[in-house]
Amino acid sequence: MKLSKSKIIGLIALLAVVGVVCGTLVWRQSQPAPAEPTEQVSITGYLGGEKIGLFDDAKFKALAAKQGIAIDYRKAGSLAMMDADRKGMDYLFPSSRAAVEYGNAKGVKAPPKRHRLGGF
Protein backbone atom coordinates (compact mmCIF):
# COMPACT_ATOMS: atom_id res chain seq x y z
CA MET A 1 0.00 0.00 0.00
CA LYS A 2 1.48 3.29 -1.09
CA LEU A 3 0.69 6.47 0.84
CA SER A 4 0.31 9.71 -1.02
CA LYS A 5 2.31 12.79 -0.05
CA SER A 6 -0.74 14.52 1.49
CA LYS A 7 -1.55 11.45 3.62
CA ILE A 8 2.01 11.33 4.92
CA ILE A 9 1.89 15.05 5.81
CA GLY A 10 -1.48 14.55 7.52
CA LEU A 11 -0.15 11.57 9.51
CA ILE A 12 2.91 13.56 10.60
CA ALA A 13 0.69 16.49 11.65
CA LEU A 14 -1.58 14.15 13.64
CA LEU A 15 1.39 12.54 15.38
CA ALA A 16 2.80 15.99 16.19
CA VAL A 17 -0.50 17.10 17.76
CA VAL A 18 -0.76 13.88 19.78
CA GLY A 19 2.86 14.33 20.90
CA VAL A 20 2.26 17.92 22.01
CA VAL A 21 -0.90 16.98 23.95
CA CYS A 22 0.76 14.01 25.65
CA GLY A 23 3.88 16.03 26.41
CA THR A 24 1.77 18.79 27.98
CA LEU A 25 -0.10 16.30 30.15
CA VAL A 26 3.11 14.64 31.32
CA TRP A 27 4.72 18.02 32.02
CA ARG A 28 1.72 19.22 34.08
CA GLN A 29 1.68 16.01 36.11
CA SER A 30 5.39 16.33 36.86
CA GLN A 31 5.07 19.86 38.27
CA PRO A 32 5.13 20.10 42.07
CA ALA A 33 1.97 21.25 43.79
CA PRO A 34 2.05 24.89 44.91
CA ALA A 35 3.27 25.27 48.45
CA GLU A 36 0.56 25.90 50.99
CA PRO A 37 1.04 29.05 53.05
CA THR A 38 2.73 28.29 56.33
CA GLU A 39 1.20 31.18 58.19
CA GLN A 40 -2.31 32.60 57.98
CA VAL A 41 -2.39 36.40 57.93
CA SER A 42 -5.44 38.47 58.84
CA ILE A 43 -5.81 41.98 57.50
CA THR A 44 -8.45 44.61 58.20
CA GLY A 45 -9.05 47.85 56.41
CA TYR A 46 -11.47 50.39 55.05
CA LEU A 47 -13.28 49.54 51.86
CA GLY A 48 -15.53 51.60 49.61
CA GLY A 49 -19.07 50.27 49.17
CA GLU A 50 -18.63 49.47 45.47
CA LYS A 51 -15.99 46.83 46.31
CA ILE A 52 -18.00 44.98 48.98
CA GLY A 53 -19.48 42.60 46.41
CA LEU A 54 -15.98 41.46 45.47
CA PHE A 55 -14.80 41.03 49.05
CA ASP A 56 -17.97 39.10 50.00
CA ASP A 57 -17.72 36.79 46.98
CA ALA A 58 -17.13 33.16 48.03
CA LYS A 59 -14.62 32.53 45.23
CA PHE A 60 -12.62 35.65 46.15
CA LYS A 61 -12.55 34.59 49.81
CA ALA A 62 -11.44 31.08 48.85
CA LEU A 63 -8.63 32.42 46.64
CA ALA A 64 -7.45 34.74 49.42
CA ALA A 65 -7.58 31.91 51.98
CA LYS A 66 -5.58 29.69 49.62
CA GLN A 67 -2.87 32.38 49.66
CA GLY A 68 -2.99 32.50 53.47
CA ILE A 69 -4.92 35.77 53.75
CA ALA A 70 -8.07 36.34 55.78
CA ILE A 71 -9.55 39.69 54.76
CA ASP A 72 -11.84 41.72 56.97
CA TYR A 73 -13.16 45.17 56.16
CA ARG A 74 -15.14 48.09 57.43
CA LYS A 75 -17.22 50.07 54.98
CA ALA A 76 -16.25 53.71 54.57
CA GLY A 77 -16.59 56.28 51.84
CA SER A 78 -13.43 57.02 49.90
CA LEU A 79 -13.02 60.49 51.41
CA ALA A 80 -14.34 59.49 54.85
CA MET A 81 -11.71 56.76 55.23
CA MET A 82 -9.00 59.40 54.93
CA ASP A 83 -10.40 61.17 57.99
CA ALA A 84 -11.34 58.05 59.98
CA ASP A 85 -9.31 56.50 62.78
CA ARG A 86 -6.87 54.17 61.05
CA LYS A 87 -5.50 52.45 64.17
CA GLY A 88 -5.54 48.71 63.62
CA MET A 89 -6.21 49.12 59.90
CA ASP A 90 -3.87 47.43 57.46
CA TYR A 91 -5.19 48.93 54.26
CA LEU A 92 -7.34 51.61 52.68
CA PHE A 93 -9.11 50.87 49.41
CA PRO A 94 -10.55 54.15 48.08
CA SER A 95 -12.36 54.31 44.78
CA SER A 96 -10.48 57.05 42.99
CA ARG A 97 -7.24 58.90 42.50
CA ALA A 98 -8.99 62.03 43.81
CA ALA A 99 -9.51 60.29 47.16
CA VAL A 100 -5.82 59.33 47.26
CA GLU A 101 -4.82 62.93 46.57
CA TYR A 102 -7.22 64.10 49.29
CA GLY A 103 -5.58 61.62 51.66
CA ASN A 104 -2.12 62.87 50.70
CA ALA A 105 -3.25 66.42 51.50
CA LYS A 106 -4.45 65.15 54.92
CA GLY A 107 -1.08 63.49 55.59
CA VAL A 108 -2.15 59.92 54.73
CA LYS A 109 0.78 58.41 52.90
CA ALA A 110 0.39 55.74 50.25
CA PRO A 111 2.57 52.65 50.63
CA PRO A 112 5.38 52.03 48.13
CA LYS A 113 4.06 50.93 44.72
CA ARG A 114 5.31 47.38 45.22
CA HIS A 115 2.87 47.01 48.16
CA ARG A 116 -0.18 48.45 46.44
CA LEU A 117 -2.93 46.09 45.41
CA GLY A 118 -5.08 48.52 43.49
CA GLY A 119 -6.17 50.97 46.07
CA PHE A 120 -4.13 52.79 48.63
C-alpha atoms as a PDB file:
ATOM      1  CA  MET A   1       0.000   0.000   0.000  1.00  0.00           C
ATOM      2  CA  LYS A   2       1.476   3.288  -1.095  1.00  0.00           C
ATOM      3  CA  LEU A   3       0.693   6.468   0.844  1.00  0.00           C
ATOM      4  CA  SER A   4       0.310   9.714  -1.018  1.00  0.00           C
ATOM      5  CA  LYS A   5       2.312  12.785  -0.049  1.00  0.00           C
ATOM      6  CA  SER A   6      -0.741  14.517   1.487  1.00  0.00           C
ATOM      7  CA  LYS A   7      -1.554  11.446   3.621  1.00  0.00           C
ATOM      8  CA  ILE A   8       2.012  11.328   4.924  1.00  0.00           C
ATOM      9  CA  ILE A   9       1.888  15.047   5.808  1.00  0.00           C
ATOM     10  CA  GLY A  10      -1.484  14.547   7.517  1.00  0.00           C
ATOM     11  CA  LEU A  11      -0.149  11.575   9.510  1.00  0.00           C
ATOM     12  CA  ILE A  12       2.909  13.557  10.603  1.00  0.00           C
ATOM     13  CA  ALA A  13       0.689  16.491  11.654  1.00  0.00           C
ATOM     14  CA  LEU A  14      -1.579  14.153  13.637  1.00  0.00           C
ATOM     15  CA  LEU A  15       1.388  12.543  15.379  1.00  0.00           C
ATOM     16  CA  ALA A  16       2.798  15.994  16.187  1.00  0.00           C
ATOM     17  CA  VAL A  17      -0.501  17.104  17.763  1.00  0.00           C
ATOM     18  CA  VAL A  18      -0.759  13.884  19.782  1.00  0.00           C
ATOM     19  CA  GLY A  19       2.859  14.328  20.901  1.00  0.00           C
ATOM     20  CA  VAL A  20       2.263  17.919  22.012  1.00  0.00           C
ATOM     21  CA  VAL A  21      -0.901  16.981  23.950  1.00  0.00           C
ATOM     22  CA  CYS A  22       0.761  14.005  25.648  1.00  0.00           C
ATOM     23  CA  GLY A  23       3.876  16.033  26.413  1.00  0.00           C
ATOM     24  CA  THR A  24       1.772  18.788  27.979  1.00  0.00           C
ATOM     25  CA  LEU A  25      -0.103  16.300  30.149  1.00  0.00           C
ATOM     26  CA  VAL A  26       3.107  14.636  31.318  1.00  0.00           C
ATOM     27  CA  TRP A  27       4.719  18.022  32.020  1.00  0.00           C
ATOM     28  CA  ARG A  28       1.716  19.219  34.083  1.00  0.00           C
ATOM     29  CA  GLN A  29       1.679  16.012  36.108  1.00  0.00           C
ATOM     30  CA  SER A  30       5.390  16.329  36.856  1.00  0.00           C
ATOM     31  CA  GLN A  31       5.071  19.865  38.268  1.00  0.00           C
ATOM     32  CA  PRO A  32       5.129  20.103  42.065  1.00  0.00           C
ATOM     33  CA  ALA A  33       1.973  21.251  43.792  1.00  0.00           C
ATOM     34  CA  PRO A  34       2.049  24.890  44.910  1.00  0.00           C
ATOM     35  CA  ALA A  35       3.266  25.272  48.448  1.00  0.00           C
ATOM     36  CA  GLU A  36       0.562  25.901  50.985  1.00  0.00           C
ATOM     37  CA  PRO A  37       1.040  29.050  53.054  1.00  0.00           C
ATOM     38  CA  THR A  38       2.730  28.286  56.326  1.00  0.00           C
ATOM     39  CA  GLU A  39       1.198  31.182  58.191  1.00  0.00           C
ATOM     40  CA  GLN A  40      -2.311  32.601  57.977  1.00  0.00           C
ATOM     41  CA  VAL A  41      -2.392  36.404  57.928  1.00  0.00           C
ATOM     42  CA  SER A  42      -5.445  38.469  58.838  1.00  0.00           C
ATOM     43  CA  ILE A  43      -5.812  41.982  57.498  1.00  0.00           C
ATOM     44  CA  THR A  44      -8.447  44.610  58.201  1.00  0.00           C
ATOM     45  CA  GLY A  45      -9.052  47.854  56.414  1.00  0.00           C
ATOM     46  CA  TYR A  46     -11.473  50.392  55.049  1.00  0.00           C
ATOM     47  CA  LEU A  47     -13.279  49.544  51.862  1.00  0.00           C
ATOM     48  CA  GLY A  48     -15.532  51.602  49.612  1.00  0.00           C
ATOM     49  CA  GLY A  49     -19.067  50.267  49.171  1.00  0.00           C
ATOM     50  CA  GLU A  50     -18.626  49.465  45.473  1.00  0.00           C
ATOM     51  CA  LYS A  51     -15.993  46.826  46.314  1.00  0.00           C
ATOM     52  CA  ILE A  52     -17.997  44.981  48.983  1.00  0.00           C
ATOM     53  CA  GLY A  53     -19.478  42.604  46.407  1.00  0.00           C
ATOM     54  CA  LEU A  54     -15.982  41.460  45.468  1.00  0.00           C
ATOM     55  CA  PHE A  55     -14.798  41.032  49.047  1.00  0.00           C
ATOM     56  CA  ASP A  56     -17.966  39.096  49.998  1.00  0.00           C
ATOM     57  CA  ASP A  57     -17.723  36.793  46.978  1.00  0.00           C
ATOM     58  CA  ALA A  58     -17.127  33.160  48.029  1.00  0.00           C
ATOM     59  CA  LYS A  59     -14.620  32.532  45.227  1.00  0.00           C
ATOM     60  CA  PHE A  60     -12.624  35.654  46.146  1.00  0.00           C
ATOM     61  CA  LYS A  61     -12.551  34.593  49.807  1.00  0.00           C
ATOM     62  CA  ALA A  62     -11.439  31.077  48.852  1.00  0.00           C
ATOM     63  CA  LEU A  63      -8.633  32.423  46.642  1.00  0.00           C
ATOM     64  CA  ALA A  64      -7.448  34.739  49.420  1.00  0.00           C
ATOM     65  CA  ALA A  65      -7.579  31.907  51.980  1.00  0.00           C
ATOM     66  CA  LYS A  66      -5.577  29.691  49.622  1.00  0.00           C
ATOM     67  CA  GLN A  67      -2.874  32.377  49.657  1.00  0.00           C
ATOM     68  CA  GLY A  68      -2.992  32.505  53.467  1.00  0.00           C
ATOM     69  CA  ILE A  69      -4.915  35.771  53.754  1.00  0.00           C
ATOM     70  CA  ALA A  70      -8.066  36.340  55.783  1.00  0.00           C
ATOM     71  CA  ILE A  71      -9.545  39.692  54.764  1.00  0.00           C
ATOM     72  CA  ASP A  72     -11.843  41.725  56.971  1.00  0.00           C
ATOM     73  CA  TYR A  73     -13.156  45.168  56.162  1.00  0.00           C
ATOM     74  CA  ARG A  74     -15.137  48.090  57.432  1.00  0.00           C
ATOM     75  CA  LYS A  75     -17.224  50.069  54.981  1.00  0.00           C
ATOM     76  CA  ALA A  76     -16.248  53.710  54.567  1.00  0.00           C
ATOM     77  CA  GLY A  77     -16.589  56.284  51.839  1.00  0.00           C
ATOM     78  CA  SER A  78     -13.430  57.017  49.900  1.00  0.00           C
ATOM     79  CA  LEU A  79     -13.017  60.488  51.406  1.00  0.00           C
ATOM     80  CA  ALA A  80     -14.338  59.491  54.849  1.00  0.00           C
ATOM     81  CA  MET A  81     -11.705  56.760  55.228  1.00  0.00           C
ATOM     82  CA  MET A  82      -8.996  59.404  54.929  1.00  0.00           C
ATOM     83  CA  ASP A  83     -10.400  61.175  57.992  1.00  0.00           C
ATOM     84  CA  ALA A  84     -11.345  58.051  59.979  1.00  0.00           C
ATOM     85  CA  ASP A  85      -9.313  56.504  62.783  1.00  0.00           C
ATOM     86  CA  ARG A  86      -6.865  54.166  61.053  1.00  0.00           C
ATOM     87  CA  LYS A  87      -5.500  52.451  64.167  1.00  0.00           C
ATOM     88  CA  GLY A  88      -5.545  48.712  63.617  1.00  0.00           C
ATOM     89  CA  MET A  89      -6.212  49.124  59.902  1.00  0.00           C
ATOM     90  CA  ASP A  90      -3.869  47.427  57.464  1.00  0.00           C
ATOM     91  CA  TYR A  91      -5.187  48.928  54.256  1.00  0.00           C
ATOM     92  CA  LEU A  92      -7.336  51.610  52.682  1.00  0.00           C
ATOM     93  CA  PHE A  93      -9.112  50.872  49.415  1.00  0.00           C
ATOM     94  CA  PRO A  94     -10.547  54.150  48.084  1.00  0.00           C
ATOM     95  CA  SER A  95     -12.356  54.306  44.778  1.00  0.00           C
ATOM     96  CA  SER A  96     -10.480  57.047  42.990  1.00  0.00           C
ATOM     97  CA  ARG A  97      -7.242  58.902  42.495  1.00  0.00           C
ATOM     98  CA  ALA A  98      -8.986  62.028  43.809  1.00  0.00           C
ATOM     99  CA  ALA A  99      -9.506  60.288  47.157  1.00  0.00           C
ATOM    100  CA  VAL A 100      -5.823  59.328  47.255  1.00  0.00           C
ATOM    101  CA  GLU A 101      -4.822  62.928  46.569  1.00  0.00           C
ATOM    102  CA  TYR A 102      -7.223  64.097  49.289  1.00  0.00           C
ATOM    103  CA  GLY A 103      -5.576  61.617  51.656  1.00  0.00           C
ATOM    104  CA  ASN A 104      -2.123  62.871  50.704  1.00  0.00           C
ATOM    105  CA  ALA A 105      -3.249  66.424  51.500  1.00  0.00           C
ATOM    106  CA  LYS A 106      -4.449  65.153  54.919  1.00  0.00           C
ATOM    107  CA  GLY A 107      -1.084  63.493  55.589  1.00  0.00           C
ATOM    108  CA  VAL A 108      -2.153  59.919  54.734  1.00  0.00           C
ATOM    109  CA  LYS A 109       0.785  58.414  52.899  1.00  0.00           C
ATOM    110  CA  ALA A 110       0.387  55.744  50.250  1.00  0.00           C
ATOM    111  CA  PRO A 111       2.569  52.654  50.629  1.00  0.00           C
ATOM    112  CA  PRO A 112       5.376  52.025  48.133  1.00  0.00           C
ATOM    113  CA  LYS A 113       4.060  50.933  44.724  1.00  0.00           C
ATOM    114  CA  ARG A 114       5.311  47.382  45.224  1.00  0.00           C
ATOM    115  CA  HIS A 115       2.873  47.010  48.160  1.00  0.00           C
ATOM    116  CA  ARG A 116      -0.183  48.454  46.442  1.00  0.00           C
ATOM    117  CA  LEU A 117      -2.925  46.093  45.410  1.00  0.00           C
ATOM    118  CA  GLY A 118      -5.083  48.518  43.486  1.00  0.00           C
ATOM    119  CA  GLY A 119      -6.169  50.975  46.074  1.00  0.00           C
ATOM    120  CA  PHE A 120      -4.133  52.787  48.634  1.00  0.00           C
END
